[in-house]
Amino acid sequence: MSERLRLKKNADRRLKAGHLWLYSNEIDIEATPLKGVEPGAQAIIEAANGKPLGVAYVNPHSLICARVVSRDANVRLDRSLLVHRFNQALALRQRLFAKPFYRLIHGEGDLLPGLIVDRFDDVLVVQLNTLGMEHLGDEIVAALDKVLSPRAIVFKNDSSGRRQEQLERQVEVVFGELPEQVLLEENGVRFVAPVIDGQKTGWFYDHRANRAWFNGLVAGKRVLDVFSYVGGWGVQAAAHGATEVLCIDSSAEALERVAENAALNGLAEQVAIGEGDAFEALAALKAEGEQFDVIVLDPPAFIKKRKDIPNGERAYSRLNREAMRLLGRDGLLLSASCSMHLAPERLVECVRGAVRHQDRHGQIIYQGGQGPDHPVHPAIPETAYLKALGVRVFRD
């Protein structure tokens, strides 16, 4: 490998601590000009004294200009290493789950930065979120075929992160033939995953464990699922004994999927849908005198960049306040956030403020994060993004 990037003095500390990212201001551009490296190429990373530290793929036009793929400077990220990493990831998932429905590759958490693979039995949905992974698209398909022999592979390359890497957004079936319906099972409930036209890969496996906890507390309850998407929370609640579930989302297409998934499980009578903006819908339900025993708040990320933190925190606070107005005297709120930049203690603060705003008491009885098929890299705090609080909200 001819390409090399040398770090400035002391810029190797994070790398030695286990981190996988390098920023453009950490490169000694006099010794090794960053602009001279072809975008997407792999390069040996060197300490300031010239000692090799590993191999990374490079995008000189991105703030994160390099992402480490191996600590061995003699290794390249090629089909062989991909097969090895896929097998390592598969072994973990097979220990964790009895059925083949899970996130197979979770980027940095599986030592493959920029790559996401979700498994729906024999259908794999792939997100290539960086230029380095985009260059390896054919090798990724070949490695997945060797490890799992799937029926179909979909490239779901429409994430907002691709813009930062100057990549086009596109969705296509790149291997095999996609079945008419892509099915999955979670916590004993079946769903159709909209892998072509849905959000992200079509499903959010990260909340599986949080939903499992939640499912144990909904029997005989009236449940409101806000930001329902295709019914991950709401349909599972109905399957676990909720007497009535109302799913609210701004997407008519997502709500059609809710109805489809409810029918798939014989739950059409228990699950109702309502289209509209979440805040407006909560206000309308309050005006109509509606009340619920259990409410789920699982919004999209209100905070996508650090500069969004103040406005995002205000949005989370308002959302929790509006939802609590609809809870009965002794209710349960599941409040979640997938915003990486929202610290866990700040979500607690949003909930605390909302409880006091309603002049009620709150008890946090559950604190959850992402499931084990979304492993957290211990040196990269950004990989721990999901938060879920189970809160009892009650009056004296």
Protein backbone atom coordinates (compact mmCIF):
# COMPACT_ATOMS: atom_id res chain seq x y z
CA MET A 1 0.00 0.00 0.00
CA SER A 2 1.60 3.24 -1.15
CA GLU A 3 -0.70 5.78 0.49
CA ARG A 4 0.29 7.02 3.94
CA LEU A 5 -1.07 9.60 6.37
CA ARG A 6 1.13 10.84 9.21
CA LEU A 7 -0.44 12.28 12.34
CA LYS A 8 0.69 15.37 14.15
CA LYS A 9 2.50 14.99 17.46
CA ASN A 10 0.16 13.59 20.17
CA ALA A 11 -2.69 13.26 17.67
CA ASP A 12 -2.52 9.49 18.06
CA ARG A 13 -3.91 9.44 21.62
CA ARG A 14 -7.53 8.77 20.68
CA LEU A 15 -6.44 6.14 18.17
CA LYS A 16 -4.36 4.35 20.81
CA ALA A 17 -7.34 4.51 23.18
CA GLY A 18 -9.35 2.54 20.62
CA HIS A 19 -11.13 5.22 18.59
CA LEU A 20 -11.51 4.64 14.85
CA TRP A 21 -11.89 8.20 13.53
CA LEU A 22 -9.30 10.71 12.39
CA TYR A 23 -10.06 14.37 11.78
CA SER A 24 -8.47 16.45 9.05
CA ASN A 25 -6.82 18.81 11.56
CA GLU A 26 -4.93 15.86 13.08
CA ILE A 27 -3.01 15.08 9.88
CA ASP A 28 0.51 16.41 9.33
CA ILE A 29 -0.25 17.73 5.86
CA GLU A 30 3.32 18.92 5.32
CA ALA A 31 4.67 15.39 5.70
CA THR A 32 1.72 13.68 4.01
CA PRO A 33 -0.63 16.01 2.07
CA LEU A 34 -4.20 14.92 2.74
CA LYS A 35 -5.41 16.32 -0.56
CA GLY A 36 -2.99 14.01 -2.35
CA VAL A 37 -4.89 10.90 -1.28
CA GLU A 38 -7.54 9.69 -3.69
CA PRO A 39 -11.01 9.88 -2.06
CA GLY A 40 -12.06 6.41 -0.92
CA ALA A 41 -8.54 4.98 -1.02
CA GLN A 42 -7.02 3.09 1.89
CA ALA A 43 -3.88 4.37 3.59
CA ILE A 44 -1.47 3.35 6.33
CA ILE A 45 -1.82 5.64 9.35
CA GLU A 46 1.46 6.62 10.99
CA ALA A 47 2.29 8.24 14.32
CA ALA A 48 4.36 11.44 14.24
CA ASN A 49 7.51 9.32 14.56
CA GLY A 50 6.58 7.23 11.54
CA LYS A 51 5.40 4.14 13.45
CA PRO A 52 2.51 2.40 11.63
CA LEU A 53 -0.73 2.46 13.64
CA GLY A 54 -3.10 0.71 11.24
CA VAL A 55 -5.03 1.04 8.01
CA ALA A 56 -7.90 3.44 7.30
CA TYR A 57 -9.97 4.45 4.32
CA VAL A 58 -9.77 8.14 3.48
CA ASN A 59 -12.03 10.95 2.34
CA PRO A 60 -10.01 14.18 2.28
CA HIS A 61 -13.19 16.22 1.71
CA SER A 62 -14.86 15.10 4.96
CA LEU A 63 -14.28 16.42 8.50
CA ILE A 64 -13.73 12.81 9.58
CA CYS A 65 -11.07 12.32 6.96
CA ALA A 66 -10.13 8.72 7.79
CA ARG A 67 -11.74 5.73 9.49
CA VAL A 68 -9.61 2.90 10.79
CA VAL A 69 -10.48 -0.59 9.53
CA SER A 70 -7.55 -2.55 10.99
CA ARG A 71 -4.78 -2.08 13.55
CA ASP A 72 -2.52 -4.22 11.37
CA ALA A 73 -0.74 -2.05 8.81
CA ASN A 74 -0.26 -5.12 6.57
CA VAL A 75 -4.02 -5.71 6.20
CA ARG A 76 -6.43 -4.20 3.69
CA LEU A 77 -10.18 -3.97 3.93
CA ASP A 78 -11.00 -6.37 1.12
CA ARG A 79 -13.32 -9.31 0.55
CA SER A 80 -11.30 -11.55 2.84
CA LEU A 81 -11.44 -9.15 5.80
CA LEU A 82 -15.11 -8.43 5.13
CA VAL A 83 -15.92 -12.15 5.26
CA HIS A 84 -13.99 -12.40 8.54
CA ARG A 85 -15.81 -9.44 10.10
CA PHE A 86 -19.19 -10.66 8.85
CA ASN A 87 -18.57 -14.08 10.40
CA GLN A 88 -17.54 -12.45 13.70
CA ALA A 89 -20.73 -10.37 13.71
CA LEU A 90 -22.89 -13.34 12.72
CA ALA A 91 -21.50 -15.46 15.55
CA LEU A 92 -22.56 -12.81 18.07
CA ARG A 93 -26.08 -12.47 16.66
CA GLN A 94 -26.58 -16.22 16.58
CA ARG A 95 -25.68 -16.32 20.28
CA LEU A 96 -28.16 -13.54 21.01
CA PHE A 97 -31.17 -14.42 18.84
CA ALA A 98 -32.97 -17.62 17.96
CA LYS A 99 -34.35 -16.26 14.69
CA PRO A 100 -32.59 -14.45 11.80
CA PHE A 101 -34.04 -10.98 12.32
CA TYR A 102 -31.51 -8.45 13.59
CA ARG A 103 -28.89 -5.86 12.72
CA LEU A 104 -25.98 -7.90 11.42
CA ILE A 105 -23.46 -5.06 11.05
CA HIS A 106 -23.58 -1.90 13.13
CA GLY A 107 -20.81 0.26 11.71
CA GLU A 108 -18.08 1.12 14.20
CA GLY A 109 -19.61 -1.22 16.76
CA ASP A 110 -18.68 -4.14 14.48
CA LEU A 111 -15.37 -2.59 13.39
CA LEU A 112 -16.74 -1.70 9.96
CA PRO A 113 -17.24 2.08 10.11
CA GLY A 114 -19.75 3.41 7.62
CA LEU A 115 -21.50 0.08 7.00
CA ILE A 116 -24.96 -0.98 8.19
CA VAL A 117 -26.55 -4.36 7.38
CA ASP A 118 -29.97 -5.37 8.66
CA ARG A 119 -31.10 -8.97 8.24
CA PHE A 120 -34.65 -10.01 7.45
CA ASP A 121 -34.04 -13.76 7.24
CA ASP A 122 -32.83 -14.27 3.64
CA VAL A 123 -33.11 -10.58 2.68
CA LEU A 124 -30.28 -8.20 3.60
CA VAL A 125 -30.62 -4.42 3.57
CA VAL A 126 -27.33 -2.54 3.34
CA GLN A 127 -26.47 1.11 3.95
CA LEU A 128 -23.14 2.39 2.62
CA ASN A 129 -22.79 5.66 4.50
CA THR A 130 -19.23 6.63 3.57
CA LEU A 131 -17.18 6.96 0.42
CA GLY A 132 -14.81 4.24 1.59
CA MET A 133 -17.65 1.74 1.93
CA GLU A 134 -19.18 2.91 -1.36
CA HIS A 135 -15.96 1.92 -3.12
CA LEU A 136 -16.27 -1.56 -1.61
CA GLY A 137 -19.89 -2.14 -2.68
CA ASP A 138 -19.16 -5.12 -4.96
CA GLU A 139 -16.87 -6.73 -2.38
CA ILE A 140 -19.51 -6.30 0.33
CA VAL A 141 -22.12 -8.04 -1.82
CA ALA A 142 -19.73 -10.91 -2.61
CA ALA A 143 -18.76 -11.31 1.07
CA LEU A 144 -22.40 -11.30 2.22
CA ASP A 145 -23.22 -13.89 -0.41
CA LYS A 146 -20.39 -16.10 0.79
CA VAL A 147 -21.35 -15.84 4.47
CA LEU A 148 -25.16 -15.99 4.24
CA SER A 149 -26.20 -16.93 0.67
CA PRO A 150 -29.14 -14.50 0.80
CA ARG A 151 -32.12 -14.46 -1.50
CA ALA A 152 -31.75 -10.73 -2.09
CA ILE A 153 -29.54 -7.78 -1.12
CA VAL A 154 -30.87 -4.22 -1.17
CA PHE A 155 -28.65 -1.14 -1.13
CA LYS A 156 -30.69 1.43 0.83
CA ASN A 157 -28.38 4.35 0.17
CA ASP A 158 -30.65 7.27 0.97
CA SER A 159 -29.35 8.39 4.37
CA SER A 160 -28.68 12.07 5.03
CA GLY A 161 -25.11 11.22 6.05
CA ARG A 162 -24.23 10.42 2.45
CA ARG A 163 -24.52 14.10 1.58
CA GLN A 164 -21.65 14.89 3.94
CA GLU A 165 -19.57 12.36 2.01
CA GLN A 166 -20.67 13.90 -1.31
CA LEU A 167 -22.47 10.70 -2.32
CA GLU A 168 -25.66 10.38 -4.32
CA ARG A 169 -28.75 8.89 -2.72
CA GLN A 170 -30.23 5.80 -4.34
CA VAL A 171 -32.12 2.60 -3.50
CA GLU A 172 -31.71 -0.55 -5.57
CA VAL A 173 -31.81 -4.33 -5.42
CA VAL A 174 -28.21 -5.27 -6.20
CA PHE A 175 -28.39 -9.04 -5.74
CA GLY A 176 -31.05 -11.69 -6.25
CA GLU A 177 -34.77 -11.08 -6.42
CA LEU A 178 -36.73 -9.27 -3.71
CA PRO A 179 -39.87 -11.11 -2.56
CA GLU A 180 -43.20 -9.30 -2.76
CA GLN A 181 -43.23 -8.99 1.03
CA VAL A 182 -40.23 -8.84 3.34
CA LEU A 183 -41.31 -10.27 6.68
CA LEU A 184 -39.74 -10.11 10.12
CA GLU A 185 -40.61 -11.28 13.59
CA GLU A 186 -39.90 -9.36 16.79
CA ASN A 187 -40.95 -10.36 20.30
CA GLY A 188 -43.26 -12.98 18.83
CA VAL A 189 -45.10 -10.52 16.54
CA ARG A 190 -44.90 -10.52 12.74
CA PHE A 191 -44.40 -7.45 10.55
CA VAL A 192 -43.94 -6.49 6.93
CA ALA A 193 -40.78 -4.38 6.56
CA PRO A 194 -40.93 -1.68 3.84
CA VAL A 195 -37.29 -2.11 2.88
CA ILE A 196 -37.53 -0.12 -0.36
CA ASP A 197 -39.67 2.87 0.56
CA GLY A 198 -39.56 2.86 4.38
CA GLN A 199 -37.37 4.79 6.81
CA LYS A 200 -33.72 3.75 7.15
CA THR A 201 -33.57 0.00 6.39
CA GLY A 202 -37.32 -0.38 6.82
CA TRP A 203 -37.32 -1.39 10.49
CA PHE A 204 -35.81 -0.26 13.80
CA TYR A 205 -34.38 -3.31 15.54
CA ASP A 206 -32.66 -1.10 18.12
CA HIS A 207 -35.79 -0.83 20.31
CA ARG A 208 -36.43 -4.60 20.47
CA ALA A 209 -35.46 -4.99 24.16
CA ASN A 210 -37.29 -1.80 25.17
CA ARG A 211 -40.43 -3.02 23.43
CA ALA A 212 -40.11 -6.39 25.15
CA TRP A 213 -40.11 -4.65 28.55
CA PHE A 214 -43.00 -2.42 27.51
CA ASN A 215 -45.05 -5.37 26.24
CA GLY A 216 -45.18 -6.78 29.77
CA LEU A 217 -47.10 -3.76 31.10
CA VAL A 218 -49.84 -3.14 28.53
CA ALA A 219 -52.36 -5.94 29.11
CA GLY A 220 -55.83 -4.51 29.60
CA LYS A 221 -54.62 -0.94 28.89
CA ARG A 222 -55.55 1.77 26.41
CA VAL A 223 -52.35 2.70 24.54
CA LEU A 224 -51.33 5.72 22.45
CA ASP A 225 -48.36 5.22 20.11
CA VAL A 226 -47.03 8.59 18.88
CA PHE A 227 -44.66 8.62 15.87
CA SER A 228 -45.84 5.06 15.30
CA TYR A 229 -44.13 4.49 11.94
CA VAL A 230 -45.33 0.98 10.88
CA GLY A 231 -46.54 -0.04 14.35
CA GLY A 232 -43.51 -1.51 16.06
CA TRP A 233 -44.74 -0.40 19.48
CA GLY A 234 -48.47 -0.24 18.92
CA VAL A 235 -49.05 -3.55 17.15
CA GLN A 236 -46.85 -5.34 19.67
CA ALA A 237 -48.84 -3.74 22.50
CA ALA A 238 -52.07 -5.06 20.98
CA ALA A 239 -50.51 -8.50 20.58
CA HIS A 240 -49.60 -8.47 24.27
CA GLY A 241 -53.04 -7.69 25.54
CA ALA A 242 -53.71 -3.96 25.15
CA THR A 243 -57.45 -3.53 24.75
CA GLU A 244 -57.19 -0.54 22.42
CA VAL A 245 -54.27 1.06 20.59
CA LEU A 246 -54.20 4.33 18.67
CA CYS A 247 -51.20 4.80 16.35
CA ILE A 248 -50.43 8.36 15.22
CA ASP A 249 -48.00 9.30 12.46
CA SER A 250 -47.66 12.08 9.90
CA SER A 251 -47.17 9.55 7.08
CA ALA A 252 -50.30 8.05 5.52
CA GLU A 253 -48.12 5.37 3.94
CA ALA A 254 -46.68 4.37 7.32
CA LEU A 255 -50.18 4.16 8.79
CA GLU A 256 -51.26 1.89 5.94
CA ARG A 257 -48.44 -0.38 7.07
CA VAL A 258 -49.72 -0.21 10.65
CA ALA A 259 -53.10 -1.46 9.48
CA GLU A 260 -51.43 -4.15 7.38
CA ASN A 261 -49.29 -5.32 10.29
CA ALA A 262 -52.24 -5.32 12.68
CA ALA A 263 -54.22 -7.46 10.23
CA LEU A 264 -51.24 -9.76 9.74
CA ASN A 265 -51.45 -10.61 13.45
CA GLY A 266 -55.25 -10.74 13.67
CA LEU A 267 -55.37 -7.46 15.60
CA ALA A 268 -57.28 -5.17 13.24
CA GLU A 269 -60.08 -4.62 15.78
CA GLN A 270 -57.70 -3.46 18.54
CA VAL A 271 -55.55 -1.07 16.48
CA ALA A 272 -56.76 2.29 15.16
CA ILE A 273 -54.75 4.87 13.19
CA GLY A 274 -54.67 8.64 13.07
CA GLU A 275 -52.74 10.78 10.58
CA GLY A 276 -51.27 14.12 11.59
CA ASP A 277 -48.50 16.16 13.15
CA ALA A 278 -47.71 14.72 16.57
CA PHE A 279 -48.02 17.98 18.51
CA GLU A 280 -51.28 18.92 16.79
CA ALA A 281 -52.67 15.42 17.30
CA LEU A 282 -51.85 15.46 21.03
CA ALA A 283 -53.57 18.84 21.41
CA ALA A 284 -56.63 17.61 19.49
CA LEU A 285 -56.90 14.46 21.63
CA LYS A 286 -56.76 16.61 24.77
CA ALA A 287 -59.47 18.92 23.41
CA GLU A 288 -61.64 15.88 22.73
CA GLY A 289 -61.25 14.73 26.33
CA GLU A 290 -59.34 11.56 25.41
CA GLN A 291 -57.31 9.72 28.02
CA PHE A 292 -54.85 6.83 27.87
CA ASP A 293 -53.31 4.42 30.36
CA VAL A 294 -50.04 4.12 28.45
CA ILE A 295 -48.32 6.45 25.97
CA VAL A 296 -45.27 5.80 23.78
CA LEU A 297 -43.14 8.68 22.48
CA ASP A 298 -40.56 7.46 19.97
CA PRO A 299 -39.85 10.53 17.81
CA PRO A 300 -37.24 10.94 15.08
CA ALA A 301 -34.04 12.69 16.09
CA PHE A 302 -34.88 16.26 17.07
CA ILE A 303 -31.14 16.97 17.46
CA LYS A 304 -29.05 16.09 14.42
CA LYS A 305 -26.15 18.47 15.09
CA ARG A 306 -24.72 20.04 18.22
CA LYS A 307 -26.10 23.43 17.25
CA ASP A 308 -29.61 21.91 17.40
CA ILE A 309 -29.33 20.97 21.09
CA PRO A 310 -31.22 23.95 22.62
CA ASN A 311 -34.15 23.77 20.19
CA GLY A 312 -34.16 19.99 20.32
CA GLU A 313 -34.33 19.87 24.09
CA ARG A 314 -37.23 22.30 24.03
CA ALA A 315 -39.02 20.03 21.55
CA TYR A 316 -38.49 16.95 23.73
CA SER A 317 -39.74 18.86 26.77
CA ARG A 318 -42.85 20.09 24.98
CA LEU A 319 -43.58 16.63 23.58
CA ASN A 320 -43.42 15.02 27.00
CA ARG A 321 -45.59 17.75 28.54
CA GLU A 322 -48.27 17.39 25.88
CA ALA A 323 -48.31 13.60 26.20
CA MET A 324 -48.60 13.63 29.99
CA ARG A 325 -51.75 15.73 29.73
CA LEU A 326 -53.40 12.67 28.17
CA LEU A 327 -52.37 10.17 30.84
CA GLY A 328 -54.87 8.94 33.39
CA ARG A 329 -54.41 9.31 37.14
CA ASP A 330 -51.82 6.51 37.31
CA GLY A 331 -50.28 6.17 33.85
CA LEU A 332 -47.15 4.90 32.13
CA LEU A 333 -45.05 6.93 29.71
CA LEU A 334 -42.36 5.41 27.50
CA SER A 335 -40.20 8.37 26.42
CA ALA A 336 -37.45 7.67 23.90
CA SER A 337 -34.81 9.60 21.98
CA CYS A 338 -32.52 8.48 19.18
CA SER A 339 -30.64 11.81 19.18
CA MET A 340 -26.97 11.04 19.74
CA HIS A 341 -26.41 14.60 21.00
CA LEU A 342 -29.08 14.38 23.70
CA ALA A 343 -27.33 13.23 26.87
CA PRO A 344 -29.27 10.65 28.91
CA GLU A 345 -29.48 13.00 31.87
CA ARG A 346 -31.03 15.67 29.63
CA LEU A 347 -33.84 13.32 28.62
CA VAL A 348 -34.41 12.67 32.33
CA GLU A 349 -34.55 16.44 32.83
CA CYS A 350 -37.11 16.84 30.02
CA VAL A 351 -39.27 14.19 31.67
CA ARG A 352 -38.80 15.69 35.15
CA GLY A 353 -39.83 19.13 33.94
CA ALA A 354 -42.88 17.73 32.17
CA VAL A 355 -43.99 15.85 35.30
CA ARG A 356 -43.74 18.97 37.43
CA HIS A 357 -45.46 21.08 34.78
CA GLN A 358 -48.47 18.79 35.18
CA ASP A 359 -48.14 18.99 38.99
CA ARG A 360 -47.72 15.23 39.18
CA HIS A 361 -45.20 12.77 40.52
CA GLY A 362 -42.89 10.70 38.37
CA GLN A 363 -41.02 7.48 38.99
CA ILE A 364 -38.46 6.24 36.47
CA ILE A 365 -38.95 2.48 36.54
CA TYR A 366 -36.98 1.56 33.42
CA GLN A 367 -33.93 2.88 31.61
CA GLY A 368 -33.04 1.26 28.31
CA GLY A 369 -30.76 1.75 25.34
CA GLN A 370 -30.14 0.08 22.03
CA GLY A 371 -30.27 -3.69 21.71
CA PRO A 372 -27.15 -5.89 21.70
CA ASP A 373 -27.24 -6.21 17.90
CA HIS A 374 -26.34 -2.49 17.95
CA PRO A 375 -23.11 -2.88 19.94
CA VAL A 376 -21.55 0.22 21.48
CA HIS A 377 -17.88 0.82 20.72
CA PRO A 378 -16.36 1.61 24.15
CA ALA A 379 -14.02 4.26 22.72
CA ILE A 380 -16.69 6.00 20.61
CA PRO A 381 -19.42 7.59 22.74
CA GLU A 382 -21.33 8.51 19.58
CA THR A 383 -22.22 4.83 19.06
CA ALA A 384 -24.39 4.90 22.21
CA TYR A 385 -27.27 6.94 20.84
CA LEU A 386 -30.59 5.39 21.92
CA LYS A 387 -32.33 6.21 25.19
CA ALA A 388 -35.67 4.97 26.57
CA LEU A 389 -37.27 5.84 29.88
CA GLY A 390 -40.22 4.04 31.39
CA VAL A 391 -41.94 6.55 33.71
CA ARG A 392 -44.87 6.05 36.05
CA VAL A 393 -46.79 9.35 36.13
CA PHE A 394 -49.32 9.63 38.95
CA ARG A 395 -51.20 11.95 41.28
CA ASP A 396 -51.47 11.82 45.06
